[in-house]
Amino acid sequence: MMPESDENAPQKPIKISWWKVAVGLLLVLVEIKNCLTPNRDIPDALKASNETQQFVIYLVSCAIFVVGIGFIVAGIRAIWLKRS
């Protein structure tokens, strides 16, 4: 007697890690907001005094953006893994 094939087995629903998507989206949106509209209450909050500081501020902004995108991808990765 042959074992039953997996085609007849019930499919598990795809689970998305919503907290990762939410945290990633929050990081990305806050970073975009900070780049487009600087804080008016504290005008000198992130003002660099030389080129090195400006480069590091830009680098940290990019890193936060990449971490946010990474959270979003990690949260919805189950959909891509399920299709393959």
N, C-alpha and C. Protein backbone atom coordinates (compact mmCIF):
# COMPACT_ATOMS: atom_id res chain seq x y z
N MET A 1 0.83 -1.16 0.00
CA MET A 1 0.00 0.00 0.00
C MET A 1 0.89 1.24 0.00
N MET A 2 0.59 2.17 -0.89
CA MET A 2 1.40 3.38 -1.05
C MET A 2 0.90 4.47 -0.10
N PRO A 3 1.81 5.28 0.44
CA PRO A 3 1.38 6.37 1.32
C PRO A 3 0.64 7.43 0.52
N GLU A 4 -0.25 8.14 1.21
CA GLU A 4 -1.02 9.18 0.54
C GLU A 4 -0.09 10.32 0.12
N SER A 5 -0.40 10.92 -1.01
CA SER A 5 0.43 12.02 -1.50
C SER A 5 0.11 13.29 -0.72
N ASP A 6 1.02 14.23 -0.80
CA ASP A 6 0.84 15.50 -0.10
C ASP A 6 -0.17 16.40 -0.79
N GLU A 7 -0.58 16.05 -2.00
CA GLU A 7 -1.52 16.89 -2.72
C GLU A 7 -2.87 16.94 -2.01
N ASN A 8 -3.27 15.87 -1.36
CA ASN A 8 -4.56 15.82 -0.68
C ASN A 8 -4.51 16.35 0.75
N ALA A 9 -3.30 16.62 1.23
CA ALA A 9 -3.16 17.12 2.60
C ALA A 9 -3.68 18.55 2.67
N PRO A 10 -4.31 18.92 3.78
CA PRO A 10 -4.79 20.29 3.90
C PRO A 10 -3.63 21.27 3.97
N GLN A 11 -3.79 22.39 3.30
CA GLN A 11 -2.74 23.41 3.26
C GLN A 11 -2.80 24.27 4.51
N LYS A 12 -1.64 24.56 5.06
CA LYS A 12 -1.58 25.48 6.20
C LYS A 12 -1.68 26.91 5.68
N PRO A 13 -2.35 27.77 6.40
CA PRO A 13 -2.44 29.17 5.94
C PRO A 13 -1.06 29.85 6.05
N ILE A 14 -0.84 30.77 5.17
CA ILE A 14 0.42 31.52 5.18
C ILE A 14 0.38 32.50 6.34
N LYS A 15 1.40 32.46 7.16
CA LYS A 15 1.45 33.34 8.32
C LYS A 15 2.44 34.47 8.05
N ILE A 16 1.96 35.68 8.18
CA ILE A 16 2.80 36.85 8.05
C ILE A 16 3.09 37.36 9.45
N SER A 17 4.34 37.67 9.70
CA SER A 17 4.72 38.21 11.00
C SER A 17 4.40 39.71 10.99
N TRP A 18 3.22 40.06 11.45
CA TRP A 18 2.75 41.43 11.34
C TRP A 18 3.55 42.40 12.21
N TRP A 19 4.10 41.95 13.33
CA TRP A 19 4.86 42.89 14.15
C TRP A 19 6.13 43.31 13.43
N LYS A 20 6.74 42.41 12.67
CA LYS A 20 7.94 42.79 11.91
C LYS A 20 7.59 43.79 10.81
N VAL A 21 6.48 43.55 10.15
CA VAL A 21 6.04 44.46 9.09
C VAL A 21 5.73 45.84 9.69
N ALA A 22 5.06 45.86 10.82
CA ALA A 22 4.69 47.13 11.46
C ALA A 22 5.92 47.90 11.92
N VAL A 23 6.87 47.22 12.56
CA VAL A 23 8.09 47.89 13.03
C VAL A 23 8.90 48.40 11.84
N GLY A 24 9.02 47.59 10.81
CA GLY A 24 9.76 48.01 9.63
C GLY A 24 9.12 49.19 8.94
N LEU A 25 7.80 49.16 8.82
CA LEU A 25 7.09 50.26 8.20
C LEU A 25 7.24 51.54 9.02
N LEU A 26 7.18 51.40 10.34
CA LEU A 26 7.35 52.56 11.21
C LEU A 26 8.75 53.16 11.05
N LEU A 27 9.77 52.33 11.05
CA LEU A 27 11.14 52.82 10.87
C LEU A 27 11.31 53.54 9.54
N VAL A 28 10.78 52.94 8.47
CA VAL A 28 10.93 53.54 7.14
C VAL A 28 10.17 54.86 7.06
N LEU A 29 8.94 54.88 7.53
CA LEU A 29 8.14 56.11 7.42
C LEU A 29 8.71 57.25 8.28
N VAL A 30 9.17 56.94 9.47
CA VAL A 30 9.76 57.99 10.32
C VAL A 30 11.04 58.52 9.70
N GLU A 31 11.83 57.65 9.11
CA GLU A 31 13.07 58.10 8.49
C GLU A 31 12.80 58.97 7.27
N ILE A 32 11.80 58.60 6.47
CA ILE A 32 11.43 59.43 5.31
C ILE A 32 10.90 60.78 5.78
N LYS A 33 10.08 60.76 6.83
CA LYS A 33 9.54 62.02 7.38
C LYS A 33 10.66 62.92 7.89
N ASN A 34 11.65 62.34 8.55
CA ASN A 34 12.76 63.13 9.07
C ASN A 34 13.61 63.72 7.96
N CYS A 35 13.73 63.01 6.86
CA CYS A 35 14.51 63.54 5.73
C CYS A 35 13.76 64.66 5.01
N LEU A 36 12.45 64.51 4.88
CA LEU A 36 11.68 65.49 4.13
C LEU A 36 11.33 66.73 4.94
N THR A 37 10.99 66.56 6.21
CA THR A 37 10.61 67.70 7.04
C THR A 37 11.39 67.67 8.34
N PRO A 38 12.45 68.47 8.44
CA PRO A 38 13.22 68.49 9.69
C PRO A 38 12.39 69.05 10.85
N ASN A 39 12.81 68.75 12.06
CA ASN A 39 12.10 69.17 13.26
C ASN A 39 12.18 70.68 13.41
N ARG A 40 11.02 71.34 13.43
CA ARG A 40 10.99 72.81 13.55
C ARG A 40 11.17 73.28 14.98
N ASP A 41 10.85 72.43 15.94
CA ASP A 41 10.97 72.82 17.35
C ASP A 41 12.44 72.92 17.78
N ILE A 42 13.26 72.05 17.24
CA ILE A 42 14.69 72.03 17.59
C ILE A 42 15.47 72.17 16.27
N PRO A 43 15.72 73.39 15.81
CA PRO A 43 16.33 73.56 14.49
C PRO A 43 17.76 73.03 14.38
N ASP A 44 18.49 73.00 15.49
CA ASP A 44 19.88 72.53 15.44
C ASP A 44 20.04 71.11 15.96
N ALA A 45 18.99 70.32 15.92
CA ALA A 45 19.03 68.98 16.51
C ALA A 45 20.03 68.08 15.81
N LEU A 46 19.98 67.99 14.51
CA LEU A 46 20.91 67.13 13.78
C LEU A 46 21.68 67.92 12.73
N LYS A 47 22.23 69.04 13.15
CA LYS A 47 23.01 69.85 12.23
C LYS A 47 24.48 69.50 12.42
N ALA A 48 25.10 69.09 11.34
CA ALA A 48 26.50 68.68 11.42
C ALA A 48 27.42 69.89 11.37
N SER A 49 28.53 69.80 12.08
CA SER A 49 29.47 70.92 12.08
C SER A 49 30.60 70.72 11.07
N ASN A 50 30.72 69.52 10.51
CA ASN A 50 31.71 69.30 9.45
C ASN A 50 31.22 68.19 8.52
N GLU A 51 31.99 67.92 7.47
CA GLU A 51 31.57 66.95 6.46
C GLU A 51 31.53 65.52 7.00
N THR A 52 32.43 65.19 7.91
CA THR A 52 32.46 63.84 8.47
C THR A 52 31.19 63.56 9.27
N GLN A 53 30.78 64.51 10.09
CA GLN A 53 29.55 64.33 10.84
C GLN A 53 28.34 64.24 9.92
N GLN A 54 28.33 65.04 8.86
CA GLN A 54 27.22 64.98 7.92
C GLN A 54 27.16 63.62 7.23
N PHE A 55 28.32 63.07 6.88
CA PHE A 55 28.38 61.76 6.25
C PHE A 55 27.88 60.67 7.19
N VAL A 56 28.26 60.75 8.47
CA VAL A 56 27.83 59.75 9.45
C VAL A 56 26.33 59.86 9.69
N ILE A 57 25.78 61.06 9.74
CA ILE A 57 24.33 61.22 9.89
C ILE A 57 23.62 60.59 8.70
N TYR A 58 24.12 60.84 7.51
CA TYR A 58 23.52 60.26 6.30
C TYR A 58 23.65 58.73 6.32
N LEU A 59 24.79 58.23 6.75
CA LEU A 59 25.02 56.78 6.81
C LEU A 59 24.08 56.11 7.81
N VAL A 60 23.88 56.72 8.95
CA VAL A 60 22.97 56.17 9.96
C VAL A 60 21.53 56.20 9.45
N SER A 61 21.15 57.26 8.74
CA SER A 61 19.81 57.33 8.15
C SER A 61 19.60 56.19 7.17
N CYS A 62 20.59 55.95 6.33
CA CYS A 62 20.49 54.83 5.37
C CYS A 62 20.43 53.49 6.09
N ALA A 63 21.20 53.33 7.16
CA ALA A 63 21.19 52.07 7.91
C ALA A 63 19.82 51.83 8.55
N ILE A 64 19.22 52.86 9.13
CA ILE A 64 17.89 52.71 9.72
C ILE A 64 16.88 52.33 8.65
N PHE A 65 16.98 52.96 7.48
CA PHE A 65 16.08 52.65 6.37
C PHE A 65 16.24 51.20 5.93
N VAL A 66 17.48 50.73 5.82
CA VAL A 66 17.74 49.34 5.40
C VAL A 66 17.24 48.35 6.45
N VAL A 67 17.41 48.66 7.72
CA VAL A 67 16.90 47.79 8.78
C VAL A 67 15.38 47.71 8.72
N GLY A 68 14.72 48.84 8.46
CA GLY A 68 13.27 48.84 8.31
C GLY A 68 12.81 47.98 7.15
N ILE A 69 13.48 48.11 6.00
CA ILE A 69 13.16 47.27 4.84
C ILE A 69 13.41 45.80 5.18
N GLY A 70 14.48 45.52 5.92
CA GLY A 70 14.77 44.14 6.32
C GLY A 70 13.67 43.55 7.19
N PHE A 71 13.14 44.36 8.12
CA PHE A 71 12.02 43.89 8.94
C PHE A 71 10.80 43.58 8.08
N ILE A 72 10.51 44.45 7.12
CA ILE A 72 9.34 44.22 6.26
C ILE A 72 9.52 42.95 5.45
N VAL A 73 10.70 42.77 4.88
CA VAL A 73 10.97 41.56 4.08
C VAL A 73 10.90 40.31 4.96
N ALA A 74 11.46 40.37 6.16
CA ALA A 74 11.42 39.22 7.06
C ALA A 74 9.99 38.89 7.47
N GLY A 75 9.15 39.91 7.58
CA GLY A 75 7.78 39.68 7.98
C GLY A 75 6.93 39.02 6.92
N ILE A 76 7.21 39.34 5.64
CA ILE A 76 6.39 38.78 4.56
C ILE A 76 7.11 37.71 3.76
N ARG A 77 8.25 37.29 4.23
CA ARG A 77 9.04 36.27 3.53
C ARG A 77 8.28 34.95 3.38
N ALA A 78 7.37 34.68 4.26
CA ALA A 78 6.62 33.42 4.21
C ALA A 78 5.83 33.28 2.92
N ILE A 79 5.37 34.38 2.38
CA ILE A 79 4.62 34.33 1.12
C ILE A 79 5.53 33.85 0.00
N TRP A 80 6.75 34.37 -0.07
CA TRP A 80 7.68 33.97 -1.13
C TRP A 80 8.13 32.53 -0.95
N LEU A 81 8.34 32.11 0.29
CA LEU A 81 8.76 30.74 0.54
C LEU A 81 7.64 29.75 0.20
N LYS A 82 6.40 30.14 0.40
CA LYS A 82 5.27 29.27 0.13
C LYS A 82 5.07 29.06 -1.37
N ARG A 83 5.37 30.06 -2.19
CA ARG A 83 5.19 29.95 -3.64
C ARG A 83 6.21 29.05 -4.29
N SER A 84 7.39 28.97 -3.73
CA SER A 84 8.45 28.17 -4.38
C SER A 84 8.40 26.72 -3.99
